[in-house]
Amino acid sequence: MEKLCVIFGAGELYAPRKKFGATDLIIAADGGYEKAVKVGLTPSVVIGDFDSSRAPENTAAHIIKLNRDKDDTDMLAAVKLGLRRECRTFVIYGGTGGRLDHTAANISTLAYLNAFGARGFLIDRDSVATVVTDGKFTLPRSARGTVSVFAFGGIASGVTLKNLTYALTDAELDPAFPLGVSNATTNAAGEISVKHGSLLIFFPR
């Protein structure tokens, strides 16, 4: 069974709606430790430079202190740790809200995961963001509502949207023109695919 990595950041937290297994890897990125504890979860690892929060004390979690003068964000460092531990699905809580540039950085981290054959999901209050590169994504059947699809990082070609209110077939999306905003689910599970390039997808939580 594929190992799941659950990461808590220090942004706005919308509590998990599912239970995690004993084999799932739970990581707190810096101040995300307090967020995880707040919803009753104890991370096995806390990683960060602790520039905006104190390293937790009296915890069984393994603490990794990073140099504050670094290129990686704390979230990206957490993702890299999960990849080293052979996780291929990542769910990120507390990665939105607060500073807009932090949210943008976490969306970029979703694209970083694609480069290593992994998939990330960034959880917001009402929606989930994910990035698909040269591949396909099927929406969960429980997702009902607005779906938006954007070209990410450049032109996306061979874009096909099936079982959504507004369909596309082998189309091209340009990051400078938000054609894919405010689509919607139907009774069938939506399918989104791209032959060349990356798509940033928002779907109902």
N, C-alpha and C. Protein backbone atom coordinates (compact mmCIF):
# COMPACT_ATOMS: atom_id res chain seq x y z
N MET A 1 0.85 -1.19 0.00
CA MET A 1 0.00 0.00 0.00
C MET A 1 0.88 1.24 0.00
N GLU A 2 0.49 2.24 -0.82
CA GLU A 2 1.30 3.44 -0.93
C GLU A 2 1.30 4.23 0.37
N LYS A 3 2.49 4.70 0.74
CA LYS A 3 2.63 5.44 1.99
C LYS A 3 2.20 6.89 1.80
N LEU A 4 1.41 7.38 2.73
CA LEU A 4 0.89 8.74 2.69
C LEU A 4 1.71 9.65 3.60
N CYS A 5 2.02 10.84 3.10
CA CYS A 5 2.71 11.84 3.92
C CYS A 5 1.73 12.99 4.18
N VAL A 6 1.51 13.28 5.45
CA VAL A 6 0.62 14.37 5.85
C VAL A 6 1.48 15.45 6.49
N ILE A 7 1.39 16.67 5.94
CA ILE A 7 2.24 17.76 6.42
C ILE A 7 1.36 18.88 6.95
N PHE A 8 1.72 19.40 8.11
CA PHE A 8 1.02 20.54 8.70
C PHE A 8 1.92 21.77 8.64
N GLY A 9 1.41 22.84 8.03
CA GLY A 9 2.11 24.12 8.02
C GLY A 9 1.51 25.04 9.06
N ALA A 10 2.03 26.26 9.11
CA ALA A 10 1.60 27.21 10.14
C ALA A 10 0.52 28.17 9.65
N GLY A 11 -0.05 27.91 8.46
CA GLY A 11 -1.10 28.78 7.93
C GLY A 11 -2.45 28.47 8.55
N GLU A 12 -3.51 28.88 7.85
CA GLU A 12 -4.85 28.63 8.36
C GLU A 12 -5.17 27.14 8.30
N LEU A 13 -5.62 26.60 9.39
CA LEU A 13 -5.87 25.16 9.48
C LEU A 13 -7.35 24.85 9.38
N TYR A 14 -7.67 23.96 8.44
CA TYR A 14 -9.02 23.43 8.32
C TYR A 14 -8.92 21.95 8.63
N ALA A 15 -9.52 21.55 9.74
CA ALA A 15 -9.28 20.23 10.33
C ALA A 15 -9.50 19.10 9.34
N PRO A 16 -8.64 18.09 9.41
CA PRO A 16 -8.81 16.90 8.56
C PRO A 16 -10.17 16.25 8.76
N ARG A 17 -10.72 15.72 7.67
CA ARG A 17 -12.02 15.04 7.74
C ARG A 17 -11.85 13.53 7.66
N LYS A 18 -10.64 13.07 7.69
CA LYS A 18 -10.40 11.63 7.63
C LYS A 18 -9.39 11.24 8.69
N LYS A 19 -9.39 9.96 9.02
CA LYS A 19 -8.42 9.43 9.96
C LYS A 19 -7.22 8.91 9.18
N PHE A 20 -6.05 9.05 9.77
CA PHE A 20 -4.84 8.59 9.11
C PHE A 20 -4.37 7.28 9.74
N GLY A 21 -3.69 6.47 8.90
CA GLY A 21 -3.24 5.16 9.36
C GLY A 21 -1.95 5.21 10.15
N ALA A 22 -1.67 4.11 10.82
CA ALA A 22 -0.47 4.02 11.66
C ALA A 22 0.80 4.12 10.84
N THR A 23 0.73 3.78 9.55
CA THR A 23 1.93 3.82 8.72
C THR A 23 2.10 5.16 8.00
N ASP A 24 1.11 6.05 8.11
CA ASP A 24 1.23 7.35 7.47
C ASP A 24 2.29 8.20 8.18
N LEU A 25 3.04 8.94 7.39
CA LEU A 25 4.08 9.81 7.93
C LEU A 25 3.48 11.19 8.18
N ILE A 26 3.51 11.64 9.41
CA ILE A 26 2.97 12.97 9.76
C ILE A 26 4.14 13.88 10.13
N ILE A 27 4.26 14.97 9.37
CA ILE A 27 5.36 15.92 9.55
C ILE A 27 4.78 17.29 9.86
N ALA A 28 5.40 18.00 10.79
CA ALA A 28 5.06 19.39 11.04
C ALA A 28 6.18 20.26 10.47
N ALA A 29 5.79 21.26 9.67
CA ALA A 29 6.76 22.21 9.15
C ALA A 29 6.74 23.43 10.07
N ASP A 30 7.80 23.55 10.86
CA ASP A 30 7.96 24.68 11.79
C ASP A 30 6.73 24.83 12.68
N GLY A 31 6.04 25.98 12.62
CA GLY A 31 4.90 26.25 13.50
C GLY A 31 3.70 25.36 13.26
N GLY A 32 3.78 24.48 12.27
CA GLY A 32 2.70 23.54 12.01
C GLY A 32 2.54 22.51 13.13
N TYR A 33 3.53 22.40 14.00
CA TYR A 33 3.43 21.44 15.11
C TYR A 33 2.21 21.76 15.98
N GLU A 34 2.05 23.02 16.34
CA GLU A 34 0.93 23.42 17.18
C GLU A 34 -0.40 23.16 16.48
N LYS A 35 -0.43 23.34 15.17
CA LYS A 35 -1.65 23.10 14.40
C LYS A 35 -2.03 21.62 14.44
N ALA A 36 -1.03 20.76 14.29
CA ALA A 36 -1.30 19.32 14.31
C ALA A 36 -1.80 18.87 15.67
N VAL A 37 -1.16 19.35 16.72
CA VAL A 37 -1.56 18.98 18.08
C VAL A 37 -2.99 19.46 18.36
N LYS A 38 -3.32 20.62 17.80
CA LYS A 38 -4.65 21.19 18.02
C LYS A 38 -5.76 20.27 17.52
N VAL A 39 -5.48 19.51 16.45
CA VAL A 39 -6.50 18.59 15.92
C VAL A 39 -6.26 17.15 16.40
N GLY A 40 -5.43 16.99 17.41
CA GLY A 40 -5.26 15.70 18.05
C GLY A 40 -4.26 14.77 17.40
N LEU A 41 -3.36 15.31 16.58
CA LEU A 41 -2.34 14.49 15.94
C LEU A 41 -0.95 14.86 16.45
N THR A 42 -0.11 13.85 16.60
CA THR A 42 1.26 14.08 17.05
C THR A 42 2.21 13.75 15.91
N PRO A 43 2.86 14.75 15.33
CA PRO A 43 3.80 14.50 14.24
C PRO A 43 4.97 13.63 14.71
N SER A 44 5.47 12.81 13.81
CA SER A 44 6.66 12.02 14.14
C SER A 44 7.92 12.83 13.89
N VAL A 45 7.81 13.87 13.04
CA VAL A 45 8.96 14.73 12.74
C VAL A 45 8.50 16.18 12.72
N VAL A 46 9.33 17.05 13.29
CA VAL A 46 9.11 18.50 13.18
C VAL A 46 10.35 19.07 12.52
N ILE A 47 10.17 19.79 11.40
CA ILE A 47 11.31 20.31 10.66
C ILE A 47 11.10 21.80 10.38
N GLY A 48 12.14 22.59 10.57
CA GLY A 48 12.02 24.02 10.30
C GLY A 48 13.18 24.81 10.86
N ASP A 49 13.20 26.11 10.51
CA ASP A 49 14.25 26.97 11.04
C ASP A 49 13.81 27.69 12.32
N PHE A 50 12.51 27.55 12.66
CA PHE A 50 11.94 28.10 13.88
C PHE A 50 12.23 29.59 14.03
N ASP A 51 12.04 30.31 12.93
CA ASP A 51 12.22 31.76 12.96
C ASP A 51 10.96 32.49 13.42
N SER A 52 9.81 31.81 13.32
CA SER A 52 8.55 32.44 13.73
C SER A 52 7.86 31.67 14.85
N SER A 53 8.47 30.61 15.30
CA SER A 53 7.93 29.82 16.41
C SER A 53 9.07 29.12 17.12
N ARG A 54 8.82 28.66 18.32
CA ARG A 54 9.84 27.94 19.08
C ARG A 54 9.77 26.46 18.78
N ALA A 55 10.92 25.82 18.79
CA ALA A 55 10.94 24.37 18.63
C ALA A 55 10.19 23.74 19.79
N PRO A 56 9.33 22.76 19.52
CA PRO A 56 8.54 22.17 20.61
C PRO A 56 9.42 21.45 21.62
N GLU A 57 8.97 21.47 22.85
CA GLU A 57 9.67 20.78 23.93
C GLU A 57 8.78 19.67 24.47
N ASN A 58 9.39 18.74 25.15
CA ASN A 58 8.65 17.62 25.75
C ASN A 58 7.79 16.89 24.74
N THR A 59 8.39 16.59 23.61
CA THR A 59 7.69 15.85 22.57
C THR A 59 8.52 14.66 22.13
N ALA A 60 7.83 13.60 21.72
CA ALA A 60 8.54 12.42 21.22
C ALA A 60 8.94 12.58 19.76
N ALA A 61 8.48 13.65 19.14
CA ALA A 61 8.78 13.87 17.72
C ALA A 61 10.27 14.14 17.52
N HIS A 62 10.77 13.66 16.39
CA HIS A 62 12.15 13.96 16.01
C HIS A 62 12.21 15.38 15.47
N ILE A 63 13.07 16.22 16.02
CA ILE A 63 13.15 17.63 15.63
C ILE A 63 14.37 17.85 14.75
N ILE A 64 14.14 18.42 13.58
CA ILE A 64 15.22 18.74 12.65
C ILE A 64 15.28 20.27 12.51
N LYS A 65 16.35 20.86 13.02
CA LYS A 65 16.50 22.31 12.96
C LYS A 65 17.30 22.68 11.71
N LEU A 66 16.73 23.55 10.91
CA LEU A 66 17.35 23.99 9.67
C LEU A 66 18.02 25.35 9.86
N ASN A 67 19.04 25.60 9.05
CA ASN A 67 19.68 26.90 9.03
C ASN A 67 18.69 27.94 8.50
N ARG A 68 18.62 29.10 9.13
CA ARG A 68 17.68 30.13 8.67
C ARG A 68 18.10 30.72 7.33
N ASP A 69 19.36 30.62 7.01
CA ASP A 69 19.86 31.12 5.73
C ASP A 69 19.86 29.95 4.75
N LYS A 70 18.72 29.73 4.09
CA LYS A 70 18.55 28.55 3.24
C LYS A 70 17.69 28.89 2.03
N ASP A 71 17.72 28.04 1.02
CA ASP A 71 16.90 28.24 -0.18
C ASP A 71 15.52 27.61 -0.04
N ASP A 72 15.43 26.45 0.60
CA ASP A 72 14.16 25.74 0.74
C ASP A 72 13.27 26.40 1.78
N THR A 73 11.98 26.48 1.49
CA THR A 73 11.03 26.84 2.54
C THR A 73 10.95 25.66 3.52
N ASP A 74 10.40 25.92 4.69
CA ASP A 74 10.21 24.82 5.64
C ASP A 74 9.28 23.76 5.06
N MET A 75 8.28 24.20 4.30
CA MET A 75 7.35 23.25 3.69
C MET A 75 8.06 22.38 2.66
N LEU A 76 8.90 23.00 1.83
CA LEU A 76 9.62 22.22 0.83
C LEU A 76 10.58 21.25 1.49
N ALA A 77 11.20 21.66 2.59
CA ALA A 77 12.09 20.75 3.33
C ALA A 77 11.30 19.55 3.85
N ALA A 78 10.07 19.80 4.31
CA ALA A 78 9.22 18.70 4.79
C ALA A 78 8.86 17.76 3.64
N VAL A 79 8.55 18.33 2.48
CA VAL A 79 8.22 17.52 1.30
C VAL A 79 9.43 16.66 0.89
N LYS A 80 10.60 17.24 0.88
CA LYS A 80 11.80 16.49 0.51
C LYS A 80 12.03 15.33 1.48
N LEU A 81 11.76 15.57 2.76
CA LEU A 81 11.89 14.50 3.75
C LEU A 81 10.91 13.37 3.44
N GLY A 82 9.67 13.73 3.11
CA GLY A 82 8.68 12.71 2.76
C GLY A 82 9.08 11.92 1.54
N LEU A 83 9.65 12.58 0.55
CA LEU A 83 10.12 11.88 -0.66
C LEU A 83 11.25 10.91 -0.32
N ARG A 84 12.15 11.34 0.54
CA ARG A 84 13.26 10.45 0.94
C ARG A 84 12.74 9.21 1.66
N ARG A 85 11.60 9.35 2.30
CA ARG A 85 11.00 8.22 3.01
C ARG A 85 10.00 7.46 2.14
N GLU A 86 10.10 7.69 0.84
CA GLU A 86 9.39 6.93 -0.19
C GLU A 86 7.88 7.17 -0.20
N CYS A 87 7.44 8.33 0.25
CA CYS A 87 6.04 8.70 0.13
C CYS A 87 5.80 9.22 -1.29
N ARG A 88 4.62 8.96 -1.83
CA ARG A 88 4.28 9.43 -3.17
C ARG A 88 2.96 10.20 -3.21
N THR A 89 2.23 10.21 -2.12
CA THR A 89 1.03 11.03 -2.00
C THR A 89 1.19 11.92 -0.78
N PHE A 90 0.99 13.23 -0.99
CA PHE A 90 1.20 14.21 0.07
C PHE A 90 -0.08 15.03 0.26
N VAL A 91 -0.49 15.18 1.51
CA VAL A 91 -1.64 16.02 1.84
C VAL A 91 -1.14 17.11 2.78
N ILE A 92 -1.37 18.36 2.38
CA ILE A 92 -0.81 19.50 3.12
C ILE A 92 -1.93 20.32 3.75
N TYR A 93 -1.90 20.44 5.07
CA TYR A 93 -2.82 21.28 5.83
C TYR A 93 -2.07 22.50 6.34
N GLY A 94 -2.77 23.60 6.52
CA GLY A 94 -2.12 24.80 7.05
C GLY A 94 -1.14 25.40 6.06
N GLY A 95 -1.40 25.21 4.77
CA GLY A 95 -0.50 25.74 3.74
C GLY A 95 -1.09 26.90 2.97
N THR A 96 -2.27 27.38 3.41
CA THR A 96 -2.92 28.52 2.76
C THR A 96 -3.28 29.56 3.82
N GLY A 97 -3.75 30.71 3.36
CA GLY A 97 -4.10 31.78 4.29
C GLY A 97 -2.86 32.52 4.75
N GLY A 98 -3.07 33.57 5.51
CA GLY A 98 -1.93 34.35 5.96
C GLY A 98 -1.26 35.06 4.79
N ARG A 99 0.04 34.91 4.67
CA ARG A 99 0.77 35.57 3.59
C ARG A 99 0.48 34.91 2.24
N LEU A 100 0.10 35.74 1.28
CA LEU A 100 -0.24 35.24 -0.05
C LEU A 100 0.97 34.60 -0.73
N ASP A 101 2.18 35.15 -0.48
CA ASP A 101 3.37 34.58 -1.10
C ASP A 101 3.67 33.19 -0.57
N HIS A 102 3.31 32.92 0.69
CA HIS A 102 3.50 31.58 1.24
C HIS A 102 2.56 30.59 0.55
N THR A 103 1.32 31.02 0.31
CA THR A 103 0.38 30.16 -0.40
C THR A 103 0.91 29.86 -1.80
N ALA A 104 1.42 30.89 -2.49
CA ALA A 104 1.98 30.70 -3.83
C ALA A 104 3.16 29.74 -3.80
N ALA A 105 3.99 29.85 -2.78
CA ALA A 105 5.15 28.95 -2.65
C ALA A 105 4.69 27.51 -2.46
N ASN A 106 3.61 27.31 -1.71
CA ASN A 106 3.12 25.96 -1.48
C ASN A 106 2.47 25.37 -2.73
N ILE A 107 1.86 26.22 -3.56
CA ILE A 107 1.35 25.74 -4.84
C ILE A 107 2.51 25.32 -5.73
N SER A 108 3.60 26.08 -5.72
CA SER A 108 4.79 25.68 -6.48
C SER A 108 5.34 24.35 -5.99
N THR A 109 5.21 24.11 -4.70
CA THR A 109 5.67 22.84 -4.12
C THR A 109 4.88 21.66 -4.67
N LEU A 110 3.61 21.88 -5.01
CA LEU A 110 2.81 20.82 -5.64
C LEU A 110 3.43 20.42 -6.98
N ALA A 111 3.90 21.42 -7.74
CA ALA A 111 4.55 21.13 -9.03
C ALA A 111 5.88 20.42 -8.81
N TYR A 112 6.59 20.80 -7.75
CA TYR A 112 7.86 20.13 -7.42
C TYR A 112 7.64 18.63 -7.21
N LEU A 113 6.57 18.28 -6.53
CA LEU A 113 6.28 16.87 -6.28
C LEU A 113 6.09 16.09 -7.58
N ASN A 114 5.44 16.71 -8.57
CA ASN A 114 5.23 16.03 -9.85
C ASN A 114 6.54 15.60 -10.48
N ALA A 115 7.57 16.44 -10.31
CA ALA A 115 8.87 16.14 -10.92
C ALA A 115 9.49 14.87 -10.37
N PHE A 116 8.99 14.41 -9.21
CA PHE A 116 9.53 13.20 -8.59
C PHE A 116 8.49 12.08 -8.57
N GLY A 117 7.53 12.18 -9.48
CA GLY A 117 6.55 11.12 -9.60
C GLY A 117 5.57 11.05 -8.46
N ALA A 118 5.39 12.16 -7.75
CA ALA A 118 4.48 12.19 -6.60
C ALA A 118 3.34 13.16 -6.88
N ARG A 119 2.32 13.13 -6.04
CA ARG A 119 1.16 14.00 -6.17
C ARG A 119 0.88 14.64 -4.83
N GLY A 120 0.67 15.96 -4.83
CA GLY A 120 0.36 16.67 -3.61
C GLY A 120 -1.01 17.30 -3.65
N PHE A 121 -1.63 17.45 -2.48
CA PHE A 121 -2.94 18.07 -2.35
C PHE A 121 -2.86 19.12 -1.24
N LEU A 122 -3.16 20.35 -1.62
CA LEU A 122 -3.11 21.48 -0.68
C LEU A 122 -4.54 21.78 -0.24
N ILE A 123 -4.81 21.63 1.06
CA ILE A 123 -6.17 21.69 1.58
C ILE A 123 -6.50 23.10 2.07
N ASP A 124 -7.55 23.69 1.50
CA ASP A 124 -8.07 24.97 1.97
C ASP A 124 -9.43 24.72 2.63
N ARG A 125 -10.14 25.78 2.99
CA ARG A 125 -11.40 25.59 3.71
C ARG A 125 -12.43 24.81 2.89
N ASP A 126 -12.65 25.25 1.65
CA ASP A 126 -13.70 24.64 0.83
C ASP A 126 -13.17 23.91 -0.39
N SER A 127 -11.90 24.06 -0.69
CA SER A 127 -11.36 23.47 -1.91
C SER A 127 -10.00 22.84 -1.67
N VAL A 128 -9.60 22.06 -2.66
CA VAL A 128 -8.31 21.38 -2.65
C VAL A 128 -7.59 21.76 -3.95
N ALA A 129 -6.30 22.04 -3.85
CA ALA A 129 -5.49 22.33 -5.03
C ALA A 129 -4.52 21.18 -5.29
N THR A 130 -4.34 20.85 -6.55
CA THR A 130 -3.33 19.88 -6.94
C THR A 130 -2.78 20.28 -8.30
N VAL A 131 -1.61 19.77 -8.64
CA VAL A 131 -0.98 20.03 -9.93
C VAL A 131 -0.77 18.71 -10.65
N VAL A 132 -1.14 18.68 -11.92
CA VAL A 132 -0.93 17.50 -12.76
C VAL A 132 0.01 17.88 -13.89
N THR A 133 1.04 17.09 -14.10
CA THR A 133 2.01 17.34 -15.17
C THR A 133 2.03 16.13 -16.11
N ASP A 134 1.77 16.39 -17.40
CA ASP A 134 1.81 15.33 -18.42
C ASP A 134 1.05 14.09 -17.95
N GLY A 135 -0.16 14.28 -17.49
CA GLY A 135 -0.87 13.12 -16.94
C GLY A 135 -2.36 13.38 -16.79
N LYS A 136 -2.98 12.59 -15.93
CA LYS A 136 -4.44 12.59 -15.79
C LYS A 136 -4.83 12.58 -14.32
N PHE A 137 -5.95 13.23 -14.04
CA PHE A 137 -6.49 13.24 -12.67
C PHE A 137 -8.00 13.05 -12.74
N THR A 138 -8.49 12.13 -11.95
CA THR A 138 -9.93 11.89 -11.84
C THR A 138 -10.43 12.46 -10.53
N LEU A 139 -11.41 13.32 -10.59
CA LEU A 139 -11.94 13.93 -9.38
C LEU A 139 -12.63 12.89 -8.50
N PRO A 140 -12.49 13.03 -7.19
CA PRO A 140 -13.23 12.13 -6.29
C PRO A 140 -14.73 12.28 -6.53
N ARG A 141 -15.45 11.18 -6.45
CA ARG A 141 -16.90 11.23 -6.68
C ARG A 141 -17.61 12.08 -5.61
N SER A 142 -16.98 12.22 -4.46
CA SER A 142 -17.57 13.02 -3.39
C SER A 142 -17.45 14.52 -3.65
N ALA A 143 -16.60 14.90 -4.62
CA ALA A 143 -16.40 16.32 -4.93
C ALA A 143 -17.56 16.83 -5.78
N ARG A 144 -18.30 17.77 -5.24
CA ARG A 144 -19.45 18.32 -5.94
C ARG A 144 -19.40 19.84 -5.86
N GLY A 145 -19.34 20.50 -7.02
CA GLY A 145 -19.31 21.96 -7.00
C GLY A 145 -18.37 22.52 -8.05
N THR A 146 -17.74 23.63 -7.74
CA THR A 146 -16.91 24.36 -8.69
C THR A 146 -15.55 23.71 -8.87
N VAL A 147 -15.14 23.61 -10.12
CA VAL A 147 -13.82 23.10 -10.49
C VAL A 147 -13.16 24.13 -11.40
N SER A 148 -11.91 24.49 -11.09
CA SER A 148 -11.17 25.42 -11.94
C SER A 148 -9.87 24.78 -12.37
N VAL A 149 -9.50 25.00 -13.62
CA VAL A 149 -8.29 24.39 -14.19
C VAL A 149 -7.48 25.47 -14.90
N PHE A 150 -6.22 25.65 -14.51
CA PHE A 150 -5.37 26.67 -15.10
C PHE A 150 -4.07 26.06 -15.62
N ALA A 151 -3.56 26.62 -16.71
CA ALA A 151 -2.20 26.26 -17.13
C ALA A 151 -1.24 26.79 -16.07
N PHE A 152 -0.23 26.00 -15.74
CA PHE A 152 0.69 26.38 -14.66
C PHE A 152 2.13 26.26 -15.15
N GLY A 153 2.85 27.38 -15.11
CA GLY A 153 4.27 27.35 -15.49
C GLY A 153 4.52 27.42 -16.98
N GLY A 154 3.49 27.70 -17.78
CA GLY A 154 3.66 27.75 -19.23
C GLY A 154 2.43 27.21 -19.94
N ILE A 155 2.50 27.18 -21.26
CA ILE A 155 1.40 26.66 -22.06
C ILE A 155 1.17 25.18 -21.73
N ALA A 156 -0.09 24.81 -21.59
CA ALA A 156 -0.47 23.40 -21.40
C ALA A 156 -1.24 22.96 -22.63
N SER A 157 -0.77 21.92 -23.31
CA SER A 157 -1.41 21.48 -24.55
C SER A 157 -1.97 20.07 -24.40
N GLY A 158 -2.92 19.75 -25.28
CA GLY A 158 -3.57 18.45 -25.20
C GLY A 158 -4.42 18.32 -23.95
N VAL A 159 -5.11 19.42 -23.59
CA VAL A 159 -5.93 19.42 -22.38
C VAL A 159 -7.33 18.91 -22.70
N THR A 160 -7.76 17.92 -21.93
CA THR A 160 -9.10 17.36 -22.11
C THR A 160 -9.83 17.35 -20.77
N LEU A 161 -11.05 17.89 -20.79
CA LEU A 161 -11.91 17.89 -19.60
C LEU A 161 -13.16 17.09 -19.92
N LYS A 162 -13.38 16.01 -19.17
CA LYS A 162 -14.54 15.15 -19.40
C LYS A 162 -15.42 15.12 -18.16
N ASN A 163 -16.71 14.97 -18.39
CA ASN A 163 -17.70 14.86 -17.32
C ASN A 163 -17.72 16.09 -16.42
N LEU A 164 -17.43 17.25 -17.02
CA LEU A 164 -17.62 18.53 -16.36
C LEU A 164 -18.66 19.31 -17.18
N THR A 165 -19.21 20.35 -16.60
CA THR A 165 -20.25 21.12 -17.29
C THR A 165 -19.75 21.67 -18.62
N TYR A 166 -18.52 22.16 -18.63
CA TYR A 166 -17.92 22.68 -19.86
C TYR A 166 -16.75 21.77 -20.24
N ALA A 167 -16.90 21.08 -21.36
CA ALA A 167 -15.89 20.11 -21.78
C ALA A 167 -14.85 20.76 -22.68
N LEU A 168 -13.67 20.17 -22.71
CA LEU A 168 -12.61 20.53 -23.65
C LEU A 168 -12.03 19.24 -24.20
N THR A 169 -11.57 19.30 -25.45
CA THR A 169 -10.92 18.14 -26.05
C THR A 169 -9.65 18.57 -26.75
N ASP A 170 -8.54 18.05 -26.28
CA ASP A 170 -7.24 18.31 -26.90
C ASP A 170 -7.02 19.81 -27.11
N ALA A 171 -7.33 20.59 -26.09
CA ALA A 171 -7.24 22.05 -26.17
C ALA A 171 -5.90 22.55 -25.63
N GLU A 172 -5.68 23.83 -25.81
CA GLU A 172 -4.47 24.48 -25.29
C GLU A 172 -4.89 25.54 -24.28
N LEU A 173 -4.26 25.54 -23.10
CA LEU A 173 -4.52 26.55 -22.09
C LEU A 173 -3.28 27.40 -21.91
N ASP A 174 -3.52 28.69 -21.80
CA ASP A 174 -2.45 29.68 -21.66
C ASP A 174 -2.54 30.27 -20.26
N PRO A 175 -1.42 30.34 -19.52
CA PRO A 175 -1.47 30.90 -18.16
C PRO A 175 -1.91 32.36 -18.12
N ALA A 176 -1.84 33.05 -19.29
CA ALA A 176 -2.25 34.46 -19.34
C ALA A 176 -3.74 34.63 -19.61
N PHE A 177 -4.47 33.51 -19.79
CA PHE A 177 -5.91 33.60 -20.07
C PHE A 177 -6.63 32.53 -19.26
N PRO A 178 -7.40 32.92 -18.23
CA PRO A 178 -8.02 31.95 -17.31
C PRO A 178 -9.29 31.30 -17.85
N LEU A 179 -9.18 30.63 -18.98
CA LEU A 179 -10.33 30.00 -19.61
C LEU A 179 -10.99 28.96 -18.71
N GLY A 180 -10.20 28.26 -17.91
CA GLY A 180 -10.73 27.13 -17.16
C GLY A 180 -11.32 27.46 -15.81
N VAL A 181 -11.53 28.75 -15.51
CA VAL A 181 -12.07 29.10 -14.19
C VAL A 181 -13.56 28.79 -14.12
N SER A 182 -14.02 28.41 -12.93
CA SER A 182 -15.46 28.24 -12.63
C SER A 182 -16.17 27.25 -13.54
N ASN A 183 -15.58 26.09 -13.71
CA ASN A 183 -16.30 24.97 -14.31
C ASN A 183 -17.09 24.30 -13.19
N ALA A 184 -17.72 23.17 -13.46
CA ALA A 184 -18.51 22.52 -12.41
C ALA A 184 -18.61 21.03 -12.64
N THR A 185 -18.79 20.30 -11.54
CA THR A 185 -18.94 18.86 -11.62
C THR A 185 -20.30 18.49 -12.18
N THR A 186 -20.41 17.24 -12.63
CA THR A 186 -21.68 16.67 -13.08
C THR A 186 -21.93 15.41 -12.26
N ASN A 187 -22.88 14.61 -12.66
CA ASN A 187 -23.17 13.38 -11.92
C ASN A 187 -22.09 12.32 -12.09
N ALA A 188 -21.28 12.44 -13.15
CA ALA A 188 -20.19 11.49 -13.37
C ALA A 188 -18.88 12.07 -12.85
N ALA A 189 -17.93 11.20 -12.52
CA ALA A 189 -16.64 11.65 -12.01
C ALA A 189 -15.88 12.41 -13.10
N GLY A 190 -15.47 13.63 -12.80
CA GLY A 190 -14.75 14.45 -13.77
C GLY A 190 -13.35 13.92 -14.04
N GLU A 191 -12.93 14.03 -15.29
CA GLU A 191 -11.58 13.60 -15.68
C GLU A 191 -10.86 14.77 -16.34
N ILE A 192 -9.65 15.01 -15.87
CA ILE A 192 -8.83 16.13 -16.36
C ILE A 192 -7.48 15.58 -16.78
N SER A 193 -7.09 15.86 -18.01
CA SER A 193 -5.81 15.33 -18.48
C SER A 193 -5.08 16.38 -19.31
N VAL A 194 -3.76 16.25 -19.36
CA VAL A 194 -2.91 17.14 -20.13
C VAL A 194 -1.77 16.31 -20.74
N LYS A 195 -1.53 16.51 -22.03
CA LYS A 195 -0.47 15.76 -22.70
C LYS A 195 0.91 16.38 -22.46
N HIS A 196 0.97 17.71 -22.54
CA HIS A 196 2.25 18.40 -22.38
C HIS A 196 2.05 19.64 -21.52
N GLY A 197 2.78 19.69 -20.42
CA GLY A 197 2.67 20.83 -19.52
C GLY A 197 2.01 20.48 -18.21
N SER A 198 1.73 21.52 -17.43
CA SER A 198 1.15 21.32 -16.10
C SER A 198 -0.15 22.08 -15.96
N LEU A 199 -1.06 21.50 -15.18
CA LEU A 199 -2.34 22.12 -14.86
C LEU A 199 -2.45 22.27 -13.34
N LEU A 200 -2.90 23.45 -12.93
CA LEU A 200 -3.24 23.69 -11.53
C LEU A 200 -4.75 23.53 -11.42
N ILE A 201 -5.17 22.59 -10.58
CA ILE A 201 -6.58 22.22 -10.47
C ILE A 201 -7.10 22.54 -9.07
N PHE A 202 -8.24 23.19 -9.03
CA PHE A 202 -8.95 23.41 -7.76
C PHE A 202 -10.27 22.66 -7.83
N PHE A 203 -10.56 21.86 -6.83
CA PHE A 203 -11.81 21.11 -6.82
C PHE A 203 -12.40 21.12 -5.41
N PRO A 204 -13.71 20.85 -5.28
CA PRO A 204 -14.36 20.94 -3.97
C PRO A 204 -13.78 19.95 -2.97
N ARG A 205 -13.62 20.42 -1.76
CA ARG A 205 -13.09 19.56 -0.70
C ARG A 205 -14.11 18.51 -0.32
